[in-house]
PDB file of N, CA and C in Angstrom:
ATOM      1  N   UNK A   1      12.281  -6.523 -13.432  1.00  0.00           N
ATOM      2  CA  UNK A   1      11.724  -5.863 -12.056  1.00  0.00           C
ATOM      3  C   UNK A   1      11.293  -6.730 -11.103  1.00  0.00           C
ATOM      4  N   UNK A   2      12.323  -6.722 -10.149  1.00  0.00           N
ATOM      5  CA  UNK A   2      11.894  -7.980  -8.605  1.00  0.00           C
ATOM      6  C   UNK A   2      10.354  -7.284  -8.443  1.00  0.00           C
ATOM      7  N   UNK A   3      10.019  -8.265  -8.135  1.00  0.00           N
ATOM      8  CA  UNK A   3       7.863  -8.048  -7.252  1.00  0.00           C
ATOM      9  C   UNK A   3       8.346  -6.747  -6.414  1.00  0.00           C
ATOM     10  N   UNK A   4       8.937  -7.343  -5.287  1.00  0.00           N
ATOM     11  CA  UNK A   4       9.022  -6.552  -3.834  1.00  0.00           C
ATOM     12  C   UNK A   4       9.755  -5.252  -3.753  1.00  0.00           C
ATOM     13  N   UNK A   5      11.103  -5.641  -4.173  1.00  0.00           N
ATOM     14  CA  UNK A   5      11.929  -4.326  -4.678  1.00  0.00           C
ATOM     15  C   UNK A   5      11.390  -3.437  -6.126  1.00  0.00           C
ATOM     16  N   UNK A   6      10.013  -3.163  -6.860  1.00  0.00           N
ATOM     17  CA  UNK A   6       9.756  -2.252  -7.609  1.00  0.00           C
ATOM     18  C   UNK A   6       9.348  -0.837  -7.829  1.00  0.00           C
ATOM     19  N   UNK A   7       9.352  -0.736  -6.198  1.00  0.00           N
ATOM     20  CA  UNK A   7       9.247   0.789  -5.524  1.00  0.00           C
ATOM     21  C   UNK A   7      10.861   0.979  -5.504  1.00  0.00           C
ATOM     22  N   UNK A   8      11.372   0.341  -4.799  1.00  0.00           N
ATOM     23  CA  UNK A   8      13.080   0.770  -5.019  1.00  0.00           C
ATOM     24  C   UNK A   8      13.692   0.813  -6.018  1.00  0.00           C
ATOM     25  N   UNK A   9      13.144  -0.247  -6.862  1.00  0.00           N
ATOM     26  CA  UNK A   9      13.911  -0.050  -7.967  1.00  0.00           C
ATOM     27  C   UNK A   9      13.794   1.053  -8.631  1.00  0.00           C
ATOM     28  N   UNK A  10      12.212   1.323  -8.495  1.00  0.00           N
ATOM     29  CA  UNK A  10      11.859   2.543  -9.553  1.00  0.00           C
ATOM     30  C   UNK A  10      12.251   4.299  -8.593  1.00  0.00           C
ATOM     31  N   UNK A  11      12.732   3.971  -7.659  1.00  0.00           N
ATOM     32  CA  UNK A  11      13.124   5.469  -6.967  1.00  0.00           C
ATOM     33  C   UNK A  11      14.544   5.485  -7.513  1.00  0.00           C
ATOM     34  N   UNK A  12      15.191   4.042  -7.820  1.00  0.00           N
ATOM     35  CA  UNK A  12      16.749   4.579  -7.876  1.00  0.00           C
ATOM     36  C   UNK A  12      16.661   4.706  -9.663  1.00  0.00           C
ATOM     37  N   UNK A  13      16.572   4.076 -10.206  1.00  0.00           N
ATOM     38  CA  UNK A  13      16.368   4.208 -11.480  1.00  0.00           C
ATOM     39  C   UNK A  13      15.827   5.519 -12.047  1.00  0.00           C
ATOM     40  N   UNK A  14      14.689   6.049 -11.831  1.00  0.00           N
ATOM     41  CA  UNK A  14      14.026   7.017 -12.237  1.00  0.00           C
ATOM     42  C   UNK A  14      15.084   8.573 -11.698  1.00  0.00           C
ATOM     43  N   UNK A  15      15.590   7.922 -10.320  1.00  0.00           N
ATOM     44  CA  UNK A  15      16.711   9.488  -9.795  1.00  0.00           C
ATOM     45  C   UNK A  15      18.163   9.567 -10.754  1.00  0.00           C
ATOM     46  N   UNK A  16      18.373   8.220 -11.312  1.00  0.00           N
ATOM     47  CA  UNK A  16      19.628   7.908 -12.306  1.00  0.00           C
ATOM     48  C   UNK A  16      19.262   7.980 -13.634  1.00  0.00           C
ATOM     49  N   UNK A  17      18.440   8.190 -14.601  1.00  0.00           N
ATOM     50  CA  UNK A  17      18.045   8.316 -15.757  1.00  0.00           C
ATOM     51  C   UNK A  17      17.729   7.062 -16.313  1.00  0.00           C
ATOM     52  N   UNK A  18      16.957   5.600 -15.133  1.00  0.00           N
ATOM     53  CA  UNK A  18      16.933   4.345 -15.878  1.00  0.00           C
ATOM     54  C   UNK A  18      15.721   3.994 -16.384  1.00  0.00           C
ATOM     55  N   UNK A  19      14.857   5.131 -15.772  1.00  0.00           N
ATOM     56  CA  UNK A  19      13.583   4.647 -16.907  1.00  0.00           C
ATOM     57  C   UNK A  19      13.526   5.098 -18.159  1.00  0.00           C
ATOM     58  N   UNK A  20      13.515   4.258 -19.117  1.00  0.00           N
ATOM     59  CA  UNK A  20      13.435   4.708 -20.436  1.00  0.00           C
ATOM     60  C   UNK A  20      12.275   4.238 -21.292  1.00  0.00           C
ATOM     61  N   UNK A  21      11.033   3.265 -20.258  1.00  0.00           N
ATOM     62  CA  UNK A  21       9.971   3.149 -21.554  1.00  0.00           C
ATOM     63  C   UNK A  21       9.119   3.100 -20.036  1.00  0.00           C
ATOM     64  N   UNK A  22       7.374   3.537 -21.239  1.00  0.00           N
ATOM     65  CA  UNK A  22       6.715   3.964 -20.320  1.00  0.00           C
ATOM     66  C   UNK A  22       5.966   2.429 -19.837  1.00  0.00           C
ATOM     67  N   UNK A  23       6.135   1.360 -20.116  1.00  0.00           N
ATOM     68  CA  UNK A  23       6.493  -0.124 -19.637  1.00  0.00           C
ATOM     69  C   UNK A  23       6.886  -0.298 -18.488  1.00  0.00           C
ATOM     70  N   UNK A  24       7.721  -0.086 -18.223  1.00  0.00           N
ATOM     71  CA  UNK A  24       8.645   0.240 -16.859  1.00  0.00           C
ATOM     72  C   UNK A  24       7.483   0.893 -15.725  1.00  0.00           C
ATOM     73  N   UNK A  25       6.926   1.781 -15.973  1.00  0.00           N
ATOM     74  CA  UNK A  25       6.089   2.783 -14.674  1.00  0.00           C
ATOM     75  C   UNK A  25       4.958   1.965 -14.692  1.00  0.00           C
ATOM     76  N   UNK A  26       4.510   1.587 -16.037  1.00  0.00           N
ATOM     77  CA  UNK A  26       2.954   0.766 -15.891  1.00  0.00           C
ATOM     78  C   UNK A  26       3.436  -0.523 -15.216  1.00  0.00           C
ATOM     79  N   UNK A  27       4.410  -1.372 -15.381  1.00  0.00           N
ATOM     80  CA  UNK A  27       4.297  -2.350 -14.361  1.00  0.00           C
ATOM     81  C   UNK A  27       4.720  -2.132 -13.077  1.00  0.00           C
ATOM     82  N   UNK A  28       5.319  -1.239 -12.821  1.00  0.00           N
ATOM     83  CA  UNK A  28       5.812  -0.144 -10.971  1.00  0.00           C
ATOM     84  C   UNK A  28       4.521  -0.311 -10.533  1.00  0.00           C
ATOM     85  N   UNK A  29       3.539   0.711 -11.149  1.00  0.00           N
ATOM     86  CA  UNK A  29       2.429   1.197 -11.294  1.00  0.00           C
ATOM     87  C   UNK A  29       1.405   0.113 -10.189  1.00  0.00           C
ATOM     88  N   UNK A  30       1.308  -1.307 -11.465  1.00  0.00           N
ATOM     89  CA  UNK A  30       0.851  -2.402 -11.753  1.00  0.00           C
ATOM     90  C   UNK A  30       1.106  -2.792 -10.124  1.00  0.00           C
ATOM     91  N   UNK A  31       2.581  -3.216 -10.067  1.00  0.00           N
ATOM     92  CA  UNK A  31       2.285  -3.992  -8.575  1.00  0.00           C
ATOM     93  C   UNK A  31       2.218  -3.101  -7.533  1.00  0.00           C
ATOM     94  N   UNK A  32       2.385  -1.784  -7.195  1.00  0.00           N
ATOM     95  CA  UNK A  32       1.949  -1.299  -6.480  1.00  0.00           C
ATOM     96  C   UNK A  32       0.322  -0.823  -5.977  1.00  0.00           C
ATOM     97  N   UNK A  33      -0.109  -1.005  -7.151  1.00  0.00           N
ATOM     98  CA  UNK A  33      -1.789  -1.127  -6.749  1.00  0.00           C
ATOM     99  C   UNK A  33      -2.418  -2.523  -6.696  1.00  0.00           C
ATOM    100  N   UNK A  34      -2.185  -3.932  -6.872  1.00  0.00           N
ATOM    101  CA  UNK A  34      -1.936  -5.088  -6.080  1.00  0.00           C
ATOM    102  C   UNK A  34      -1.677  -4.848  -4.633  1.00  0.00           C
ATOM    103  N   UNK A  35      -0.594  -4.159  -4.650  1.00  0.00           N
ATOM    104  CA  UNK A  35       0.058  -4.425  -3.225  1.00  0.00           C
ATOM    105  C   UNK A  35      -1.360  -3.970  -2.122  1.00  0.00           C
ATOM    106  N   UNK A  36      -1.674  -2.243  -3.006  1.00  0.00           N
ATOM    107  CA  UNK A  36      -2.547  -1.796  -2.217  1.00  0.00           C
ATOM    108  C   UNK A  36      -3.889  -1.987  -1.849  1.00  0.00           C
ATOM    109  N   UNK A  37      -4.257  -2.766  -3.269  1.00  0.00           N
ATOM    110  CA  UNK A  37      -5.695  -3.538  -3.189  1.00  0.00           C
ATOM    111  C   UNK A  37      -5.427  -4.967  -2.117  1.00  0.00           C
ATOM    112  N   UNK A  38      -4.845  -5.121  -1.624  1.00  0.00           N
ATOM    113  CA  UNK A  38      -4.847  -6.107  -0.449  1.00  0.00           C
ATOM    114  C   UNK A  38      -4.639  -5.445   1.048  1.00  0.00           C
ATOM    115  N   UNK A  39      -4.445  -4.254   0.860  1.00  0.00           N
ATOM    116  CA  UNK A  39      -4.215  -3.785   2.173  1.00  0.00           C
ATOM    117  C   UNK A  39      -4.787  -3.725   3.266  1.00  0.00           C
ATOM    118  N   UNK A  40      -6.634  -3.552   2.798  1.00  0.00           N
ATOM    119  CA  UNK A  40      -7.525  -3.773   3.281  1.00  0.00           C
ATOM    120  C   UNK A  40      -7.881  -4.895   4.076  1.00  0.00           C
ATOM    121  N   UNK A  41      -8.053  -6.115   3.446  1.00  0.00           N
ATOM    122  CA  UNK A  41      -8.063  -7.388   4.385  1.00  0.00           C
ATOM    123  C   UNK A  41      -6.844  -7.471   5.230  1.00  0.00           C
ATOM    124  N   UNK A  42      -5.938  -6.926   4.794  1.00  0.00           N
ATOM    125  CA  UNK A  42      -4.535  -7.473   5.632  1.00  0.00           C
ATOM    126  C   UNK A  42      -4.866  -6.466   7.176  1.00  0.00           C
ATOM    127  N   UNK A  43      -5.286  -5.113   6.944  1.00  0.00           N
ATOM    128  CA  UNK A  43      -5.228  -4.578   8.582  1.00  0.00           C
ATOM    129  C   UNK A  43      -6.933  -4.659   9.061  1.00  0.00           C
ATOM    130  N   UNK A  44      -7.651  -5.589   8.364  1.00  0.00           N
ATOM    131  CA  UNK A  44      -8.708  -5.882   9.104  1.00  0.00           C
ATOM    132  C   UNK A  44      -8.273  -7.127   9.855  1.00  0.00           C
ATOM    133  N   UNK A  45      -7.814  -7.856   9.445  1.00  0.00           N
ATOM    134  CA  UNK A  45      -7.257  -8.958  10.535  1.00  0.00           C
ATOM    135  C   UNK A  45      -6.711  -8.840  11.815  1.00  0.00           C
ATOM    136  N   UNK A  46      -5.594  -7.407  11.352  1.00  0.00           N
ATOM    137  CA  UNK A  46      -4.972  -6.955  12.252  1.00  0.00           C
ATOM    138  C   UNK A  46      -5.410  -6.333  13.275  1.00  0.00           C
ATOM    139  N   UNK A  47      -6.802  -5.480  13.012  1.00  0.00           N
ATOM    140  CA  UNK A  47      -7.821  -5.253  13.656  1.00  0.00           C
ATOM    141  C   UNK A  47      -8.307  -6.602  14.547  1.00  0.00           C
ATOM    142  N   UNK A  48      -8.849  -7.415  13.844  1.00  0.00           N
ATOM    143  CA  UNK A  48      -9.604  -8.194  14.627  1.00  0.00           C
ATOM    144  C   UNK A  48      -8.623  -9.237  15.318  1.00  0.00           C
ATOM    145  N   UNK A  49      -7.474  -9.430  15.482  1.00  0.00           N
ATOM    146  CA  UNK A  49      -6.472  -9.711  15.766  1.00  0.00           C
ATOM    147  C   UNK A  49      -6.113  -9.148  17.697  1.00  0.00           C
ATOM    148  N   UNK A  50      -5.912  -7.436  17.003  1.00  0.00           N
ATOM    149  CA  UNK A  50      -6.049  -7.039  18.790  1.00  0.00           C
ATOM    150  C   UNK A  50      -7.397  -7.048  19.441  1.00  0.00           C
ATOM    151  N   UNK A  51      -8.513  -7.169  18.622  1.00  0.00           N
ATOM    152  CA  UNK A  51      -9.896  -7.146  19.731  1.00  0.00           C
ATOM    153  C   UNK A  51      -9.826  -8.575  20.132  1.00  0.00           C
ATOM    154  N   UNK A  52      -9.507  -9.436  19.168  1.00  0.00           N
ATOM    155  CA  UNK A  52      -9.106 -10.873  19.869  1.00  0.00           C
ATOM    156  C   UNK A  52      -8.593 -10.819  21.260  1.00  0.00           C
ATOM    157  N   UNK A  53      -7.088 -10.700  21.223  1.00  0.00           N
ATOM    158  CA  UNK A  53      -6.497 -10.588  22.239  1.00  0.00           C
ATOM    159  C   UNK A  53      -6.823  -9.558  23.236  1.00  0.00           C
ATOM    160  N   UNK A  54      -7.058  -8.307  23.236  1.00  0.00           N
ATOM    161  CA  UNK A  54      -7.761  -7.513  24.502  1.00  0.00           C
ATOM    162  C   UNK A  54      -8.542  -8.263  24.860  1.00  0.00           C
ATOM    163  N   UNK A  55     -10.003  -8.846  23.873  1.00  0.00           N
ATOM    164  CA  UNK A  55     -10.853  -9.508  25.037  1.00  0.00           C
ATOM    165  C   UNK A  55     -10.592 -10.800  25.617  1.00  0.00           C
ATOM    166  N   UNK A  56      -9.377 -11.248  25.427  1.00  0.00           N
ATOM    167  CA  UNK A  56      -8.847 -12.455  26.188  1.00  0.00           C
ATOM    168  C   UNK A  56      -7.871 -12.075  27.069  1.00  0.00           C
ATOM    169  N   UNK A  57      -7.836 -10.822  27.651  1.00  0.00           N
ATOM    170  CA  UNK A  57      -7.063 -10.191  28.474  1.00  0.00           C
ATOM    171  C   UNK A  57      -5.160 -10.647  28.318  1.00  0.00           C
ATOM    172  N   UNK A  58      -4.867 -10.421  26.815  1.00  0.00           N
ATOM    173  CA  UNK A  58      -3.708 -10.967  26.475  1.00  0.00           C
ATOM    174  C   UNK A  58      -3.210  -9.779  26.169  1.00  0.00           C
ATOM    175  N   UNK A  59      -3.611  -8.104  26.128  1.00  0.00           N
ATOM    176  CA  UNK A  59      -2.835  -7.273  25.573  1.00  0.00           C
ATOM    177  C   UNK A  59      -3.339  -6.156  26.851  1.00  0.00           C
ATOM    178  N   UNK A  60      -2.368  -5.592  26.493  1.00  0.00           N
ATOM    179  CA  UNK A  60      -2.243  -4.192  27.554  1.00  0.00           C
ATOM    180  C   UNK A  60      -1.188  -3.169  27.127  1.00  0.00           C
ATOM    181  N   UNK A  61      -1.688  -1.889  27.385  1.00  0.00           N
ATOM    182  CA  UNK A  61      -0.559  -0.769  26.927  1.00  0.00           C
ATOM    183  C   UNK A  61       0.590  -0.933  27.845  1.00  0.00           C
ATOM    184  N   UNK A  62       1.941  -0.230  27.440  1.00  0.00           N
ATOM    185  CA  UNK A  62       2.805   0.010  27.661  1.00  0.00           C
ATOM    186  C   UNK A  62       3.128   0.890  28.539  1.00  0.00           C
ATOM    187  N   UNK A  63       1.930   1.848  28.865  1.00  0.00           N
ATOM    188  CA  UNK A  63       1.837   3.085  29.318  1.00  0.00           C
ATOM    189  C   UNK A  63       0.002   3.216  30.198  1.00  0.00           C
ATOM    190  N   UNK A  64       0.055   1.601  30.320  1.00  0.00           N
ATOM    191  CA  UNK A  64      -0.473   1.404  31.432  1.00  0.00           C
ATOM    192  C   UNK A  64      -2.338   1.285  30.474  1.00  0.00           C
ATOM    193  N   UNK A  65      -2.366   1.615  29.218  1.00  0.00           N
ATOM    194  CA  UNK A  65      -3.750   2.109  28.444  1.00  0.00           C
ATOM    195  C   UNK A  65      -4.142   0.796  28.750  1.00  0.00           C
ATOM    196  N   UNK A  66      -5.677   0.911  29.340  1.00  0.00           N
ATOM    197  CA  UNK A  66      -6.493  -0.797  29.500  1.00  0.00           C
ATOM    198  C   UNK A  66      -6.237  -1.487  27.889  1.00  0.00           C
ATOM    199  N   UNK A  67      -6.221  -3.161  27.605  1.00  0.00           N
ATOM    200  CA  UNK A  67      -6.227  -3.469  26.906  1.00  0.00           C
ATOM    201  C   UNK A  67      -7.232  -3.034  25.547  1.00  0.00           C
ATOM    202  N   UNK A  68      -8.606  -3.591  26.134  1.00  0.00           N
ATOM    203  CA  UNK A  68      -9.519  -3.266  25.583  1.00  0.00           C
ATOM    204  C   UNK A  68      -9.959  -1.390  24.976  1.00  0.00           C
ATOM    205  N   UNK A  69      -9.205  -0.303  25.304  1.00  0.00           N
ATOM    206  CA  UNK A  69      -9.160   0.267  24.843  1.00  0.00           C
ATOM    207  C   UNK A  69      -8.000   0.774  23.929  1.00  0.00           C
ATOM    208  N   UNK A  70      -7.037   0.281  24.338  1.00  0.00           N
ATOM    209  CA  UNK A  70      -6.027   0.695  23.063  1.00  0.00           C
ATOM    210  C   UNK A  70      -6.439  -0.567  21.677  1.00  0.00           C
ATOM    211  N   UNK A  71      -7.206  -1.849  22.101  1.00  0.00           N
ATOM    212  CA  UNK A  71      -7.601  -2.604  20.715  1.00  0.00           C
ATOM    213  C   UNK A  71      -8.379  -1.375  20.211  1.00  0.00           C
ATOM    214  N   UNK A  72      -9.391  -0.729  20.983  1.00  0.00           N
ATOM    215  CA  UNK A  72     -10.450   0.228  20.079  1.00  0.00           C
ATOM    216  C   UNK A  72      -9.875   1.252  19.705  1.00  0.00           C
ATOM    217  N   UNK A  73      -8.879   1.659  20.253  1.00  0.00           N
ATOM    218  CA  UNK A  73      -7.980   2.559  19.111  1.00  0.00           C
ATOM    219  C   UNK A  73      -7.504   2.487  18.149  1.00  0.00           C
ATOM    220  N   UNK A  74      -6.704   1.362  18.022  1.00  0.00           N
ATOM    221  CA  UNK A  74      -6.330   0.855  17.021  1.00  0.00           C
ATOM    222  C   UNK A  74      -7.244   0.580  16.313  1.00  0.00           C
ATOM    223  N   UNK A  75      -8.334  -0.204  16.554  1.00  0.00           N
ATOM    224  CA  UNK A  75      -8.874  -0.338  14.989  1.00  0.00           C
ATOM    225  C   UNK A  75      -9.633   0.484  14.507  1.00  0.00           C
ATOM    226  N   UNK A  76      -9.709   1.781  15.780  1.00  0.00           N
ATOM    227  CA  UNK A  76     -10.107   3.111  14.424  1.00  0.00           C
ATOM    228  C   UNK A  76      -8.882   3.630  13.770  1.00  0.00           C
ATOM    229  N   UNK A  77      -7.757   3.618  14.248  1.00  0.00           N
ATOM    230  CA  UNK A  77      -6.526   3.933  13.197  1.00  0.00           C
ATOM    231  C   UNK A  77      -6.678   3.182  12.136  1.00  0.00           C
ATOM    232  N   UNK A  78      -6.795   1.547  12.384  1.00  0.00           N
ATOM    233  CA  UNK A  78      -6.818   0.745  10.893  1.00  0.00           C
ATOM    234  C   UNK A  78      -7.909   1.250  10.059  1.00  0.00           C
ATOM    235  N   UNK A  79      -8.899   0.981  10.617  1.00  0.00           N
ATOM    236  CA  UNK A  79     -10.155   1.528  10.333  1.00  0.00           C
ATOM    237  C   UNK A  79      -9.818   2.578   8.730  1.00  0.00           C
ATOM    238  N   UNK A  80      -9.523   3.735   9.486  1.00  0.00           N
ATOM    239  CA  UNK A  80      -9.273   5.019   8.211  1.00  0.00           C
ATOM    240  C   UNK A  80      -8.327   4.386   7.594  1.00  0.00           C
ATOM    241  N   UNK A  81      -6.798   3.889   7.919  1.00  0.00           N
ATOM    242  CA  UNK A  81      -5.834   3.496   6.776  1.00  0.00           C
ATOM    243  C   UNK A  81      -6.492   2.795   5.987  1.00  0.00           C
ATOM    244  N   UNK A  82      -7.789   2.040   6.210  1.00  0.00           N
ATOM    245  CA  UNK A  82      -8.566   0.979   5.460  1.00  0.00           C
ATOM    246  C   UNK A  82      -8.917   1.785   4.347  1.00  0.00           C
ATOM    247  N   UNK A  83      -9.959   2.881   4.695  1.00  0.00           N
ATOM    248  CA  UNK A  83     -10.358   4.199   4.004  1.00  0.00           C
ATOM    249  C   UNK A  83      -9.554   4.241   3.088  1.00  0.00           C
ATOM    250  N   UNK A  84      -8.865   5.128   3.708  1.00  0.00           N
ATOM    251  CA  UNK A  84      -7.173   5.172   2.700  1.00  0.00           C
ATOM    252  C   UNK A  84      -6.410   4.733   1.889  1.00  0.00           C
ATOM    253  N   UNK A  85      -6.293   3.427   1.709  1.00  0.00           N
ATOM    254  CA  UNK A  85      -6.084   2.770   1.112  1.00  0.00           C
ATOM    255  C   UNK A  85      -7.156   2.011   0.184  1.00  0.00           C
ATOM    256  N   UNK A  86      -8.072   2.055   0.413  1.00  0.00           N
ATOM    257  CA  UNK A  86      -8.886   1.926  -0.785  1.00  0.00           C
ATOM    258  C   UNK A  86      -8.689   2.948  -2.026  1.00  0.00           C
ATOM    259  N   UNK A  87      -8.887   4.190  -1.230  1.00  0.00           N
ATOM    260  CA  UNK A  87      -8.846   5.570  -2.069  1.00  0.00           C
ATOM    261  C   UNK A  87      -7.375   5.520  -3.062  1.00  0.00           C
ATOM    262  N   UNK A  88      -5.993   5.405  -2.164  1.00  0.00           N
ATOM    263  CA  UNK A  88      -4.887   5.032  -3.169  1.00  0.00           C
ATOM    264  C   UNK A  88      -4.786   4.056  -4.467  1.00  0.00           C
ATOM    265  N   UNK A  89      -5.809   2.945  -3.358  1.00  0.00           N
ATOM    266  CA  UNK A  89      -5.757   1.684  -4.907  1.00  0.00           C
ATOM    267  C   UNK A  89      -6.506   2.162  -6.624  1.00  0.00           C
ATOM    268  N   UNK A  90      -7.619   2.970  -5.761  1.00  0.00           N
ATOM    269  CA  UNK A  90      -8.136   3.551  -6.865  1.00  0.00           C
ATOM    270  C   UNK A  90      -7.911   4.295  -7.993  1.00  0.00           C
ATOM    271  N   UNK A  91      -6.831   5.286  -7.194  1.00  0.00           N
ATOM    272  CA  UNK A  91      -5.724   6.209  -7.805  1.00  0.00           C
ATOM    273  C   UNK A  91      -5.209   5.360  -8.597  1.00  0.00           C
ATOM    274  N   UNK A  92      -4.459   4.624  -7.924  1.00  0.00           N
ATOM    275  CA  UNK A  92      -3.213   3.780  -8.373  1.00  0.00           C
ATOM    276  C   UNK A  92      -3.621   2.758  -9.654  1.00  0.00           C
ATOM    277  N   UNK A  93      -5.447   2.022  -9.770  1.00  0.00           N
ATOM    278  CA  UNK A  93      -5.790   1.669 -10.875  1.00  0.00           C
ATOM    279  C   UNK A  93      -5.562   2.631 -11.866  1.00  0.00           C
ATOM    280  N   UNK A  94      -6.354   3.618 -11.562  1.00  0.00           N
ATOM    281  CA  UNK A  94      -6.431   4.729 -13.015  1.00  0.00           C
ATOM    282  C   UNK A  94      -5.121   5.073 -13.532  1.00  0.00           C
ATOM    283  N   UNK A  95      -4.055   5.212 -12.651  1.00  0.00           N
ATOM    284  CA  UNK A  95      -2.413   5.561 -13.324  1.00  0.00           C
ATOM    285  C   UNK A  95      -2.050   4.346 -13.864  1.00  0.00           C
ATOM    286  N   UNK A  96      -2.432   3.220 -13.349  1.00  0.00           N
ATOM    287  CA  UNK A  96      -2.075   1.897 -14.073  1.00  0.00           C
ATOM    288  C   UNK A  96      -3.084   2.267 -15.792  1.00  0.00           C
ATOM    289  N   UNK A  97      -4.125   2.200 -15.427  1.00  0.00           N
ATOM    290  CA  UNK A  97      -4.590   1.985 -16.985  1.00  0.00           C
ATOM    291  C   UNK A  97      -3.960   3.561 -18.265  1.00  0.00           C
ATOM    292  N   UNK A  98      -3.456   4.312 -17.295  1.00  0.00           N
ATOM    293  CA  UNK A  98      -2.648   5.455 -17.644  1.00  0.00           C
ATOM    294  C   UNK A  98      -1.626   5.089 -18.218  1.00  0.00           C
ATOM    295  N   UNK A  99      -0.925   4.335 -17.385  1.00  0.00           N
ATOM    296  CA  UNK A  99       0.818   4.230 -17.852  1.00  0.00           C
ATOM    297  C   UNK A  99       0.902   2.888 -18.859  1.00  0.00           C
ATOM    298  N   UNK A 100       0.170   2.050 -18.858  1.00  0.00           N
ATOM    299  CA  UNK A 100      -0.483   0.868 -19.733  1.00  0.00           C
ATOM    300  C   UNK A 100      -0.732   1.722 -21.208  1.00  0.00           C
ATOM    301  N   UNK A 101      -1.301   2.364 -21.296  1.00  0.00           N
ATOM    302  CA  UNK A 101      -1.918   3.414 -22.564  1.00  0.00           C
ATOM    303  C   UNK A 101      -0.415   4.000 -23.139  1.00  0.00           C
ATOM    304  N   UNK A 102       0.478   4.129 -22.642  1.00  0.00           N
ATOM    305  CA  UNK A 102       1.605   5.043 -22.993  1.00  0.00           C
ATOM    306  C   UNK A 102       2.558   4.222 -23.903  1.00  0.00           C
ATOM    307  N   UNK A 103       3.338   4.777 -24.725  1.00  0.00           N
ATOM    308  CA  UNK A 103       3.967   4.373 -25.375  1.00  0.00           C
ATOM    309  C   UNK A 103       5.265   5.345 -25.964  1.00  0.00           C
ATOM    310  N   UNK A 104       6.174   4.474 -25.850  1.00  0.00           N
ATOM    311  CA  UNK A 104       7.375   5.888 -26.526  1.00  0.00           C
ATOM    312  C   UNK A 104       7.359   6.650 -28.023  1.00  0.00           C
ATOM    313  N   UNK A 105       7.102   7.669 -28.158  1.00  0.00           N
ATOM    314  CA  UNK A 105       6.770   8.587 -29.141  1.00  0.00           C
ATOM    315  C   UNK A 105       7.896   8.236 -30.322  1.00  0.00           C
ATOM    316  N   UNK A 106       9.314   7.950 -29.700  1.00  0.00           N
ATOM    317  CA  UNK A 106      10.243   7.600 -30.606  1.00  0.00           C
ATOM    318  C   UNK A 106      11.256   9.309 -30.456  1.00  0.00           C
ATOM    319  N   UNK A 107      12.415   8.837 -31.038  1.00  0.00           N
ATOM    320  CA  UNK A 107      12.858  10.263 -31.121  1.00  0.00           C
ATOM    321  C   UNK A 107      12.857  11.290 -31.469  1.00  0.00           C
ATOM    322  N   UNK A 108      12.954  12.468 -30.976  1.00  0.00           N
ATOM    323  CA  UNK A 108      12.324  14.109 -31.641  1.00  0.00           C
ATOM    324  C   UNK A 108      13.808  14.536 -32.392  1.00  0.00           C
ATOM    325  N   UNK A 109      13.685  15.646 -33.112  1.00  0.00           N
ATOM    326  CA  UNK A 109      14.171  15.924 -33.671  1.00  0.00           C
ATOM    327  C   UNK A 109      14.462  17.608 -33.395  1.00  0.00           C
TER     328      UNK A 109
END
């Protein structure tokens, strides 16, 4: 399963009966967990960039919104996204643990 396309692969495979092993679910959830754990740092860096650009006068809103207000609004929303990302990462971590503990029970009669 390709790293960047894990979610796309799982979406396609699940719809077409292609997920046949619990390890596939565990691997995909593990990749998503890793990516989501990295989101807060990225969101923080983006918020810092917006603030720095606004403070230097290099940022303004298309609708005439002052750059400083645009930056503060963007940072507030990015901060909220960071909180959601933390919660999602925790949930995915638990899901990964559960999926990693699963195994095929074998054929049933």
